[in-house]
Amino acid sequence: MLLKPLVALNMLAGAVVASPDSTLHAKKARLEAYIQNEKTVALQGVLNNFGPNGSLCRGAAPGVAIAGNSETNPPYIYTWTRDTALTVMSLIGEFLEGNSSLEQLIQQYITASAKMQTVTNPSGSLSDGAGLGEPKYNINITAFNDPWGRPQRDGPALRASALIAYGNHLLAQGQQAKALDNVWPVVSNDLAYVGEYWNGTGFDLWEEVNGSSFFTTAAQYKALVEGESFATALGKPCDACTVAPEILCHLQDYWNGTAVISNYPTNGRSGVDINSVITSITIFDPAATCDDATFQPCSARALANHKVLIDGFRSTYGVNKGREPGEAAAVGRYTEDIFMGGNPWYLATLASAEQLYDALYQWDRQGSLSVTELSLPFFRDLVANVKTGVYPKSTRGYKTITDAVRSYADGFISVVREYTPTHGGLSEEYHRDTGVQVSAPDLTWSYASFLTAIARRNGSVPPSWSSSVALTFPQKCNPTTVKGAYATATPSPW
């Protein structure tokens, strides 16, 4: 009885009642417009933070990036080996997709890396390789001598991976001399460091836990696998690369049966950490199967872990109120985090989306997806009646599931959109209750994370690093290391 008067009232008022389809279409249009605009902002945000020409670089040396636009609280006018390597990987992806204007900056980064390797610092020097584990430097490529969480053993592996990606491009272009003279000497030192020091303790990527880090172990394994192929292409030996199977064996130790425990010791925390998702997207191989051994994005382990991680934040942050399982949420580092008040991070929320875009690419490439008992809870949040089994790409079930996963992934981008200010700048964090930006503004890694997440959404993926041909590892792990040989790299002018 109430329906007719209400309809009549709406008609008289000239109101239009939106249908669910039109509302959904409007949401998608807003998201697409945001992505298109924010990608431009993010790329410029990265470039602004790189010396010598970036508008925020504070006089950083060529090829050196500041971590963020913050002098104090937190002080981020320094350069971190890890952050910069991950950022340069995103730039190399943009370069390989056709943005040739980025090549000079990539080359400057390689030259700066060669110089940075020679800087004696509190971690050590190049003579025995120990200095390569130093996490941060002054932006004029001098040592940072104050107390810090050192060493951090992920930096050399990540830098090697970034340089190998560009080195492989040079080889594909017939520029073997440049790859051999300018890239290999830097890569060789970093690979030697990994082979010699991989089994030593060090600080995790959040610089808080001194022990063993899932992210570090995975980055080290990837670097040695692709390092072996790069060395072979150049006719060079890679003695360090022989320990890759031992590192892969050790990588299995972080899995507890339901989730990844990202750090040992856990320092009293659960150990469930965005570290694990960042790991999956860092070692993503577009040609890989959904293998659990390397925690590929589409693997049952990685998907089960994704659910455990995201669900942990639903009751942690006020901004997640009402966001139920299966709905995207604001994501931080780990639920017990207290840094700057313990807030969601842009890069963590974006990484949560990127893993799902990676998985979608892998399923499409292999022509099917599998739902196992382990991954079933992840899928059941998105498609309530899903059952275990194999879903070929040609089936309606495959489309239903992948559409739901894609919508879920887009939801994380929508969360980022919701808490992005009108100017598009991305800080490190956004407040757990209000969503207002906090911590360092213009965080380089935040911008780089946006670029890679959207690249994967658009189907742009990095080259394969042959993960699936290197999955053999011993039944019993051994702490085998290889003594490294180190030498000063002196790249020729590009």
Protein backbone atom coordinates (compact mmCIF):
# COMPACT_ATOMS: atom_id res chain seq x y z
CA MET A 1 0.00 0.00 0.00
CA LEU A 2 2.89 2.37 0.64
CA LEU A 3 4.59 1.67 -2.69
CA LYS A 4 2.28 3.64 -4.96
CA PRO A 5 2.30 6.91 -2.99
CA LEU A 6 6.08 6.76 -2.71
CA VAL A 7 6.49 6.16 -6.43
CA ALA A 8 4.04 8.97 -7.20
CA LEU A 9 5.91 11.32 -4.87
CA ASN A 10 9.21 10.51 -6.57
CA MET A 11 7.67 11.11 -9.96
CA LEU A 12 6.18 14.42 -8.91
CA ALA A 13 9.51 15.53 -7.49
CA GLY A 14 11.32 14.56 -10.65
CA ALA A 15 13.44 12.09 -8.71
CA VAL A 16 15.14 9.18 -10.40
CA VAL A 17 15.56 5.99 -8.42
CA ALA A 18 18.86 4.42 -9.46
CA SER A 19 18.84 0.75 -10.30
CA PRO A 20 21.50 -1.52 -8.80
CA ASP A 21 23.08 -1.89 -12.26
CA SER A 22 23.34 1.87 -12.79
CA THR A 23 24.82 2.36 -9.31
CA LEU A 24 27.41 -0.34 -10.00
CA HIS A 25 28.24 1.23 -13.35
CA ALA A 26 28.71 4.63 -11.69
CA LYS A 27 31.05 3.13 -9.09
CA LYS A 28 33.12 1.47 -11.80
CA ALA A 29 33.29 4.70 -13.78
CA ARG A 30 34.51 6.60 -10.70
CA LEU A 31 37.14 3.97 -10.04
CA GLU A 32 38.39 4.01 -13.64
CA ALA A 33 38.59 7.81 -13.61
CA TYR A 34 40.50 7.72 -10.33
CA ILE A 35 42.95 5.11 -11.63
CA GLN A 36 43.63 7.03 -14.81
CA ASN A 37 44.35 10.24 -12.92
CA GLU A 38 46.22 8.67 -10.02
CA LYS A 39 48.58 6.74 -12.27
CA THR A 40 49.89 10.04 -13.64
CA VAL A 41 50.20 11.42 -10.11
CA ALA A 42 51.99 8.29 -8.88
CA LEU A 43 54.56 8.21 -11.66
CA GLN A 44 55.31 11.89 -11.16
CA GLY A 45 55.42 11.30 -7.41
CA VAL A 46 58.19 8.75 -7.88
CA LEU A 47 60.14 11.00 -10.23
CA ASN A 48 59.81 13.96 -7.85
CA ASN A 49 61.74 11.99 -5.23
CA PHE A 50 64.71 10.99 -7.42
CA GLY A 51 67.88 13.00 -7.85
CA PRO A 52 69.11 14.97 -9.56
CA ASN A 53 66.02 16.59 -11.08
CA GLY A 54 63.12 15.62 -8.83
CA SER A 55 61.25 18.56 -7.34
CA LEU A 56 61.38 17.02 -3.82
CA CYS A 57 64.73 15.23 -4.01
CA ARG A 58 66.57 17.66 -1.67
CA GLY A 59 69.69 17.55 -3.85
CA ALA A 60 69.95 13.75 -3.94
CA ALA A 61 72.67 12.36 -6.18
CA PRO A 62 71.66 11.16 -9.65
CA GLY A 63 69.78 7.87 -9.42
CA VAL A 64 69.22 8.20 -5.67
CA ALA A 65 65.70 8.45 -4.21
CA ILE A 66 64.55 9.90 -0.92
CA ALA A 67 62.15 7.59 0.92
CA GLY A 68 59.55 10.28 1.50
CA ASN A 69 58.92 14.00 1.78
CA SER A 70 59.46 14.26 5.53
CA GLU A 71 62.35 15.89 7.39
CA THR A 72 61.27 14.74 10.87
CA ASN A 73 58.77 12.41 12.53
CA PRO A 74 59.57 10.30 10.62
CA PRO A 75 62.86 11.44 9.07
CA TYR A 76 62.77 10.04 5.53
CA ILE A 77 65.26 12.21 3.67
CA TYR A 78 67.53 9.19 3.31
CA THR A 79 67.78 6.49 0.70
CA TRP A 80 67.01 2.84 1.49
CA THR A 81 68.47 0.05 -0.67
CA ARG A 82 65.28 -2.02 -0.42
CA ASP A 83 62.74 0.74 -1.09
CA THR A 84 64.68 2.12 -4.03
CA ALA A 85 65.18 -1.30 -5.62
CA LEU A 86 61.45 -2.05 -5.44
CA THR A 87 60.68 1.39 -6.85
CA VAL A 88 63.13 0.97 -9.72
CA MET A 89 61.50 -2.38 -10.52
CA SER A 90 58.24 -0.50 -11.00
CA LEU A 91 59.99 2.02 -13.26
CA ILE A 92 61.61 -0.76 -15.29
CA GLY A 93 58.12 -2.20 -15.78
CA GLU A 94 56.91 1.15 -17.10
CA PHE A 95 60.01 1.38 -19.30
CA LEU A 96 59.50 -2.08 -20.77
CA GLU A 97 55.92 -1.11 -21.55
CA GLY A 98 57.17 1.76 -23.71
CA ASN A 99 58.05 4.74 -21.50
CA SER A 100 61.53 5.26 -22.93
CA SER A 101 61.98 8.52 -21.00
CA LEU A 102 62.72 6.47 -17.87
CA GLU A 103 65.85 4.77 -19.21
CA GLN A 104 68.27 7.51 -18.20
CA LEU A 105 67.05 7.39 -14.59
CA ILE A 106 67.42 3.59 -14.56
CA GLN A 107 70.97 3.93 -15.81
CA GLN A 108 71.72 6.60 -13.20
CA TYR A 109 70.44 4.21 -10.54
CA ILE A 110 72.86 1.51 -11.70
CA THR A 111 75.79 3.93 -11.63
CA ALA A 112 74.76 5.17 -8.16
CA SER A 113 74.46 1.57 -6.95
CA ALA A 114 78.03 0.85 -8.06
CA LYS A 115 79.26 3.79 -6.01
CA MET A 116 77.09 2.88 -3.02
CA GLN A 117 78.62 -0.60 -2.91
CA THR A 118 82.04 0.95 -2.22
CA VAL A 119 80.94 3.06 0.76
CA THR A 120 82.34 1.71 4.01
CA ASN A 121 79.60 1.87 6.64
CA PRO A 122 78.65 0.51 10.08
CA SER A 123 77.73 -2.85 8.51
CA GLY A 124 81.17 -3.24 6.96
CA SER A 125 82.86 -2.68 3.61
CA LEU A 126 83.06 -4.15 0.13
CA SER A 127 86.27 -6.06 0.91
CA ASP A 128 84.33 -8.94 2.46
CA GLY A 129 80.91 -7.89 1.16
CA ALA A 130 79.49 -7.19 4.62
CA GLY A 131 78.90 -3.51 3.85
CA LEU A 132 76.35 -4.44 1.17
CA GLY A 133 73.91 -5.29 3.95
CA GLU A 134 73.72 -1.66 5.09
CA PRO A 135 70.05 -0.61 4.79
CA LYS A 136 70.21 3.17 4.35
CA TYR A 137 72.56 5.94 3.24
CA ASN A 138 72.67 9.69 3.10
CA ILE A 139 71.30 10.92 -0.21
CA ASN A 140 74.74 12.11 -1.33
CA ILE A 141 75.88 8.45 -1.21
CA THR A 142 77.79 8.65 2.05
CA ALA A 143 77.44 6.42 5.09
CA PHE A 144 74.68 6.90 7.64
CA ASN A 145 76.60 6.31 10.85
CA ASP A 146 73.91 6.63 13.53
CA PRO A 147 72.43 3.61 15.29
CA TRP A 148 70.00 1.60 13.16
CA GLY A 149 68.58 -1.87 12.60
CA ARG A 150 71.42 -3.40 10.62
CA PRO A 151 72.22 -5.41 8.63
CA GLN A 152 69.19 -5.86 6.38
CA ARG A 153 69.86 -8.69 3.96
CA ASP A 154 67.06 -8.11 1.46
CA GLY A 155 68.62 -5.06 -0.21
CA PRO A 156 71.37 -6.74 -2.26
CA ALA A 157 68.96 -9.40 -3.55
CA LEU A 158 66.34 -6.85 -4.59
CA ARG A 159 68.92 -4.61 -6.23
CA ALA A 160 70.29 -7.58 -8.15
CA SER A 161 66.80 -8.43 -9.39
CA ALA A 162 66.20 -4.85 -10.55
CA LEU A 163 69.50 -4.70 -12.40
CA ILE A 164 68.99 -8.12 -13.96
CA ALA A 165 65.62 -7.00 -15.32
CA TYR A 166 67.31 -4.11 -17.11
CA GLY A 167 70.31 -6.23 -18.05
CA ASN A 168 68.06 -8.76 -19.76
CA HIS A 169 66.52 -5.90 -21.74
CA LEU A 170 70.00 -4.87 -22.89
CA LEU A 171 70.72 -8.44 -23.98
CA ALA A 172 67.45 -8.57 -25.90
CA GLN A 173 68.50 -5.38 -27.69
CA GLY A 174 71.90 -6.83 -28.62
CA GLN A 175 73.74 -4.59 -26.15
CA GLN A 176 75.76 -7.31 -24.46
CA ALA A 177 78.76 -5.07 -23.85
CA LYS A 178 76.70 -2.70 -21.69
CA ALA A 179 75.19 -5.59 -19.77
CA LEU A 180 78.62 -7.09 -19.23
CA ASP A 181 80.51 -3.91 -18.36
CA ASN A 182 77.91 -1.79 -16.56
CA VAL A 183 75.38 -4.18 -15.05
CA TRP A 184 77.12 -7.48 -14.29
CA PRO A 185 79.85 -6.12 -11.95
CA VAL A 186 77.22 -4.61 -9.64
CA VAL A 187 75.00 -7.69 -9.84
CA SER A 188 77.95 -10.00 -9.23
CA ASN A 189 78.73 -8.33 -5.89
CA ASP A 190 75.12 -8.51 -4.77
CA LEU A 191 74.74 -12.17 -5.74
CA ALA A 192 77.98 -12.98 -3.94
CA TYR A 193 76.59 -11.28 -0.82
CA VAL A 194 73.42 -13.38 -0.96
CA GLY A 195 75.36 -16.61 -1.40
CA GLU A 196 77.65 -15.83 1.51
CA TYR A 197 75.31 -14.20 4.02
CA TRP A 198 71.81 -15.58 3.32
CA ASN A 199 71.83 -17.73 6.44
CA GLY A 200 72.82 -14.90 8.77
CA THR A 201 70.30 -13.06 10.91
CA GLY A 202 69.25 -9.55 9.96
CA PHE A 203 66.42 -7.08 10.34
CA ASP A 204 63.14 -7.53 8.49
CA LEU A 205 61.74 -5.09 5.95
CA TRP A 206 60.04 -3.11 8.73
CA GLU A 207 63.41 -2.82 10.52
CA GLU A 208 61.99 -4.17 13.76
CA VAL A 209 62.71 -7.90 14.07
CA ASN A 210 66.27 -9.21 14.06
CA GLY A 211 66.14 -12.80 12.89
CA SER A 212 64.86 -14.55 9.77
CA SER A 213 62.39 -12.84 7.42
CA PHE A 214 60.12 -14.55 4.91
CA PHE A 215 60.41 -11.61 2.55
CA THR A 216 64.20 -11.61 2.69
CA THR A 217 64.49 -15.36 2.14
CA ALA A 218 62.18 -15.28 -0.87
CA ALA A 219 63.93 -12.26 -2.42
CA GLN A 220 67.28 -14.02 -1.99
CA TYR A 221 66.02 -17.17 -3.69
CA LYS A 222 64.61 -15.27 -6.66
CA ALA A 223 67.81 -13.27 -7.11
CA LEU A 224 69.97 -16.38 -7.27
CA VAL A 225 67.68 -18.20 -9.72
CA GLU A 226 67.54 -15.32 -12.17
CA GLY A 227 71.17 -14.50 -11.41
CA GLU A 228 72.21 -17.93 -12.65
CA SER A 229 70.40 -17.37 -15.96
CA PHE A 230 71.84 -13.87 -16.37
CA ALA A 231 75.36 -15.07 -15.62
CA THR A 232 75.02 -17.90 -18.12
CA ALA A 233 73.82 -15.50 -20.82
CA LEU A 234 76.95 -13.40 -20.21
CA GLY A 235 79.29 -16.38 -20.07
CA LYS A 236 80.04 -15.76 -16.40
CA PRO A 237 80.09 -18.18 -13.45
CA CYS A 238 77.79 -17.70 -10.45
CA ASP A 239 79.12 -19.80 -7.61
CA ALA A 240 76.73 -18.10 -5.18
CA CYS A 241 73.75 -19.27 -7.22
CA THR A 242 74.40 -22.90 -6.27
CA VAL A 243 72.84 -22.38 -2.82
CA ALA A 244 69.42 -21.44 -4.22
CA PRO A 245 67.89 -24.88 -3.43
CA GLU A 246 68.92 -24.53 0.22
CA ILE A 247 67.24 -21.13 0.43
CA LEU A 248 64.05 -22.51 -1.13
CA CYS A 249 64.11 -25.33 1.40
CA HIS A 250 64.36 -22.77 4.20
CA LEU A 251 61.46 -20.77 2.70
CA GLN A 252 59.10 -23.65 3.57
CA ASP A 253 59.81 -23.17 7.27
CA TYR A 254 57.70 -20.01 7.41
CA TRP A 255 54.46 -21.86 6.60
CA ASN A 256 52.57 -23.03 9.69
CA GLY A 257 49.77 -24.88 7.89
CA THR A 258 47.28 -22.03 7.78
CA ALA A 259 49.30 -18.85 7.22
CA VAL A 260 52.80 -17.48 6.73
CA ILE A 261 54.67 -16.57 9.89
CA SER A 262 56.71 -13.75 8.42
CA ASN A 263 59.43 -13.40 11.05
CA TYR A 264 61.33 -15.66 13.43
CA PRO A 265 61.40 -14.76 16.23
CA THR A 266 57.93 -13.23 16.24
CA ASN A 267 58.79 -10.86 19.11
CA GLY A 268 55.53 -11.72 20.83
CA ARG A 269 53.33 -11.00 17.79
CA SER A 270 51.24 -13.45 15.79
CA GLY A 271 53.70 -13.24 12.89
CA VAL A 272 50.89 -12.68 10.36
CA ASP A 273 52.18 -9.71 8.39
CA ILE A 274 51.70 -7.94 5.03
CA ASN A 275 55.34 -8.97 4.55
CA SER A 276 53.91 -12.24 3.21
CA VAL A 277 51.69 -10.65 0.55
CA ILE A 278 54.47 -8.31 -0.54
CA THR A 279 56.62 -11.42 -0.87
CA SER A 280 54.14 -13.14 -3.19
CA ILE A 281 53.93 -10.13 -5.50
CA THR A 282 57.70 -9.61 -5.44
CA ILE A 283 58.44 -13.18 -6.54
CA PHE A 284 55.41 -13.34 -8.87
CA ASP A 285 56.33 -15.22 -12.02
CA PRO A 286 53.72 -14.82 -14.76
CA ALA A 287 54.77 -18.11 -16.33
CA ALA A 288 54.59 -20.07 -13.07
CA THR A 289 51.99 -22.57 -12.03
CA CYS A 290 50.20 -22.04 -8.73
CA ASP A 291 52.99 -23.73 -6.82
CA ASP A 292 53.03 -23.54 -3.06
CA ALA A 293 56.81 -23.87 -2.78
CA THR A 294 57.40 -20.29 -3.95
CA PHE A 295 54.07 -19.01 -2.61
CA GLN A 296 53.00 -17.81 -6.05
CA PRO A 297 50.03 -15.39 -5.87
CA CYS A 298 47.54 -17.99 -7.13
CA SER A 299 48.82 -20.78 -4.89
CA ALA A 300 46.56 -22.26 -2.21
CA ARG A 301 49.01 -21.17 0.47
CA ALA A 302 49.13 -17.56 -0.71
CA LEU A 303 45.35 -17.29 -1.02
CA ALA A 304 44.71 -18.87 2.38
CA ASN A 305 47.28 -16.53 3.90
CA HIS A 306 45.66 -13.54 2.15
CA LYS A 307 42.35 -14.28 3.87
CA VAL A 308 43.91 -14.73 7.31
CA LEU A 309 45.83 -11.49 6.96
CA ILE A 310 42.96 -9.31 5.68
CA ASP A 311 40.44 -10.68 8.17
CA GLY A 312 42.78 -9.71 10.99
CA PHE A 313 42.40 -6.03 10.14
CA ARG A 314 38.59 -5.96 9.93
CA SER A 315 38.18 -5.37 13.65
CA THR A 316 41.48 -3.54 14.11
CA TYR A 317 40.67 -0.28 12.33
CA GLY A 318 37.66 1.97 12.74
CA VAL A 319 37.67 2.66 8.98
CA ASN A 320 36.90 -1.04 8.44
CA LYS A 321 33.65 -1.00 10.38
CA GLY A 322 31.03 -2.87 8.37
CA ARG A 323 33.54 -4.37 5.94
CA GLU A 324 32.72 -8.06 6.21
CA PRO A 325 34.75 -11.07 4.98
CA GLY A 326 34.78 -11.01 1.19
CA GLU A 327 34.75 -7.21 1.13
CA ALA A 328 37.96 -5.26 0.63
CA ALA A 329 39.34 -3.48 3.68
CA ALA A 330 42.05 -1.06 4.76
CA VAL A 331 45.24 -3.03 5.38
CA GLY A 332 48.28 -2.30 7.54
CA ARG A 333 51.53 -4.06 8.29
CA TYR A 334 50.35 -6.31 11.14
CA THR A 335 47.54 -5.98 13.66
CA GLU A 336 49.81 -5.28 16.63
CA ASP A 337 51.53 -2.34 14.88
CA ILE A 338 52.01 0.83 16.97
CA PHE A 339 54.32 2.84 14.67
CA MET A 340 52.83 6.33 14.21
CA GLY A 341 49.74 5.05 16.03
CA GLY A 342 49.39 1.81 14.07
CA ASN A 343 47.50 2.63 10.89
CA PRO A 344 46.65 1.23 7.47
CA TRP A 345 49.35 1.73 4.84
CA TYR A 346 48.68 2.58 1.21
CA LEU A 347 51.31 0.13 0.01
CA ALA A 348 49.81 -2.66 2.13
CA THR A 349 46.30 -2.08 0.81
CA LEU A 350 47.61 -1.90 -2.77
CA ALA A 351 49.67 -5.07 -2.35
CA SER A 352 46.51 -6.88 -1.22
CA ALA A 353 44.92 -5.98 -4.55
CA GLU A 354 48.04 -6.76 -6.57
CA GLN A 355 48.28 -10.34 -5.35
CA LEU A 356 44.76 -10.97 -6.64
CA TYR A 357 45.47 -9.38 -10.03
CA ASP A 358 48.58 -11.58 -10.27
CA ALA A 359 46.50 -14.66 -9.48
CA LEU A 360 43.95 -13.74 -12.15
CA TYR A 361 46.74 -13.48 -14.72
CA GLN A 362 48.16 -16.86 -13.73
CA TRP A 363 44.77 -18.60 -13.90
CA ASP A 364 44.04 -17.12 -17.31
CA ARG A 365 47.43 -18.16 -18.62
CA GLN A 366 47.18 -21.74 -17.41
CA GLY A 367 43.55 -22.04 -18.46
CA SER A 368 42.00 -23.11 -15.18
CA LEU A 369 41.88 -22.51 -11.45
CA SER A 370 41.79 -24.97 -8.58
CA VAL A 371 39.91 -24.68 -5.32
CA THR A 372 41.46 -26.87 -2.64
CA GLU A 373 40.53 -27.52 0.96
CA LEU A 374 43.21 -25.02 1.94
CA SER A 375 42.03 -22.23 -0.37
CA LEU A 376 38.30 -22.96 -0.02
CA PRO A 377 37.69 -20.41 2.79
CA PHE A 378 39.20 -17.66 0.62
CA PHE A 379 36.96 -18.51 -2.34
CA ARG A 380 33.86 -19.14 -0.21
CA ASP A 381 33.96 -15.55 1.06
CA LEU A 382 33.52 -14.44 -2.56
CA VAL A 383 31.27 -17.17 -3.98
CA ALA A 384 29.25 -18.76 -1.20
CA ASN A 385 28.38 -22.03 -2.94
CA VAL A 386 31.82 -22.73 -4.43
CA LYS A 387 33.17 -26.26 -4.01
CA THR A 388 36.61 -27.78 -4.22
CA GLY A 389 37.72 -28.86 -7.66
CA VAL A 390 39.24 -27.69 -10.93
CA TYR A 391 37.42 -24.99 -12.91
CA PRO A 392 38.48 -24.82 -16.57
CA LYS A 393 38.54 -21.41 -18.20
CA SER A 394 35.70 -22.38 -20.54
CA THR A 395 33.21 -22.98 -17.73
CA ARG A 396 30.66 -20.69 -16.13
CA GLY A 397 32.12 -21.51 -12.70
CA TYR A 398 35.51 -20.12 -13.74
CA LYS A 399 33.94 -16.86 -14.88
CA THR A 400 31.85 -16.54 -11.74
CA ILE A 401 34.88 -17.04 -9.49
CA THR A 402 37.29 -14.84 -11.43
CA ASP A 403 34.72 -12.05 -11.73
CA ALA A 404 34.32 -12.17 -7.95
CA VAL A 405 38.09 -12.13 -7.37
CA ARG A 406 38.50 -9.21 -9.77
CA SER A 407 35.76 -7.28 -8.00
CA TYR A 408 37.40 -8.05 -4.65
CA ALA A 409 40.76 -6.79 -5.94
CA ASP A 410 39.17 -3.62 -7.29
CA GLY A 411 37.66 -3.12 -3.87
CA PHE A 412 41.13 -2.58 -2.36
CA ILE A 413 41.84 0.07 -4.99
CA SER A 414 38.51 1.66 -4.07
CA VAL A 415 39.59 1.76 -0.42
CA VAL A 416 42.76 3.58 -1.47
CA ARG A 417 40.65 5.92 -3.59
CA GLU A 418 38.41 6.68 -0.62
CA TYR A 419 41.37 7.86 1.45
CA THR A 420 43.31 9.65 -1.30
CA PRO A 421 43.09 13.44 -1.03
CA THR A 422 41.97 15.47 -4.02
CA HIS A 423 45.56 16.34 -5.01
CA GLY A 424 46.33 12.63 -5.32
CA GLY A 425 49.40 12.59 -3.09
CA LEU A 426 50.04 9.35 -1.22
CA SER A 427 51.62 9.39 2.21
CA GLU A 428 52.87 6.34 4.08
CA GLU A 429 49.69 5.78 6.10
CA TYR A 430 46.08 6.88 6.58
CA HIS A 431 44.52 7.14 10.01
CA ARG A 432 42.93 4.00 11.41
CA ASP A 433 39.72 5.80 12.44
CA THR A 434 39.41 8.92 10.27
CA GLY A 435 41.24 7.92 7.09
CA VAL A 436 43.17 11.21 7.11
CA GLN A 437 46.74 10.89 5.88
CA VAL A 438 49.44 10.47 8.52
CA SER A 439 53.19 9.85 8.64
CA ALA A 440 55.51 10.85 5.77
CA PRO A 441 53.83 12.50 2.77
CA ASP A 442 54.78 11.58 -0.78
CA LEU A 443 56.17 8.17 0.14
CA THR A 444 58.14 6.81 -2.82
CA TRP A 445 57.14 3.22 -2.09
CA SER A 446 53.44 4.15 -1.90
CA TYR A 447 53.58 5.61 -5.40
CA ALA A 448 55.56 2.64 -6.74
CA SER A 449 52.99 0.25 -5.23
CA PHE A 450 50.20 2.04 -7.04
CA LEU A 451 52.06 1.74 -10.34
CA THR A 452 52.66 -2.00 -10.01
CA ALA A 453 49.13 -2.78 -8.77
CA ILE A 454 47.55 -0.96 -11.71
CA ALA A 455 50.02 -2.47 -14.18
CA ARG A 456 48.96 -5.96 -13.05
CA ARG A 457 45.30 -4.93 -13.21
CA ASN A 458 45.89 -3.95 -16.84
CA GLY A 459 47.62 -7.24 -17.64
CA SER A 460 51.14 -5.80 -17.73
CA VAL A 461 53.44 -8.26 -15.99
CA PRO A 462 57.21 -8.63 -15.49
CA PRO A 463 59.18 -11.18 -17.52
CA SER A 464 59.31 -14.71 -16.16
CA TRP A 465 62.24 -15.52 -13.89
CA SER A 466 61.89 -19.28 -14.48
CA SER A 467 60.69 -20.09 -10.97
CA SER A 468 58.97 -23.27 -12.11
CA VAL A 469 62.17 -24.86 -13.41
CA ALA A 470 64.02 -24.39 -10.14
CA LEU A 471 61.65 -25.92 -7.61
CA THR A 472 63.80 -28.84 -6.49
CA PHE A 473 65.09 -28.56 -2.96
CA PRO A 474 66.53 -31.04 -0.46
CA GLN A 475 64.29 -32.87 2.00
CA LYS A 476 66.53 -31.71 4.81
CA CYS A 477 67.62 -28.07 4.78
CA ASN A 478 71.30 -27.29 5.08
CA PRO A 479 72.93 -23.96 5.97
CA THR A 480 75.31 -24.11 3.01
CA THR A 481 76.93 -20.83 2.03
CA VAL A 482 79.52 -19.84 -0.57
CA LYS A 483 82.43 -17.53 0.18
CA GLY A 484 82.01 -14.43 -1.98
CA ALA A 485 84.45 -12.52 -4.14
CA TYR A 486 83.90 -8.76 -4.36
CA ALA A 487 85.33 -6.05 -6.58
CA THR A 488 84.65 -2.39 -7.24
CA ALA A 489 82.23 -1.92 -10.13
CA THR A 490 83.05 1.02 -12.42
CA PRO A 491 80.30 1.43 -15.04
CA SER A 492 81.32 3.18 -18.23
CA PRO A 493 79.41 6.28 -19.34
CA TRP A 494 76.07 5.20 -20.73
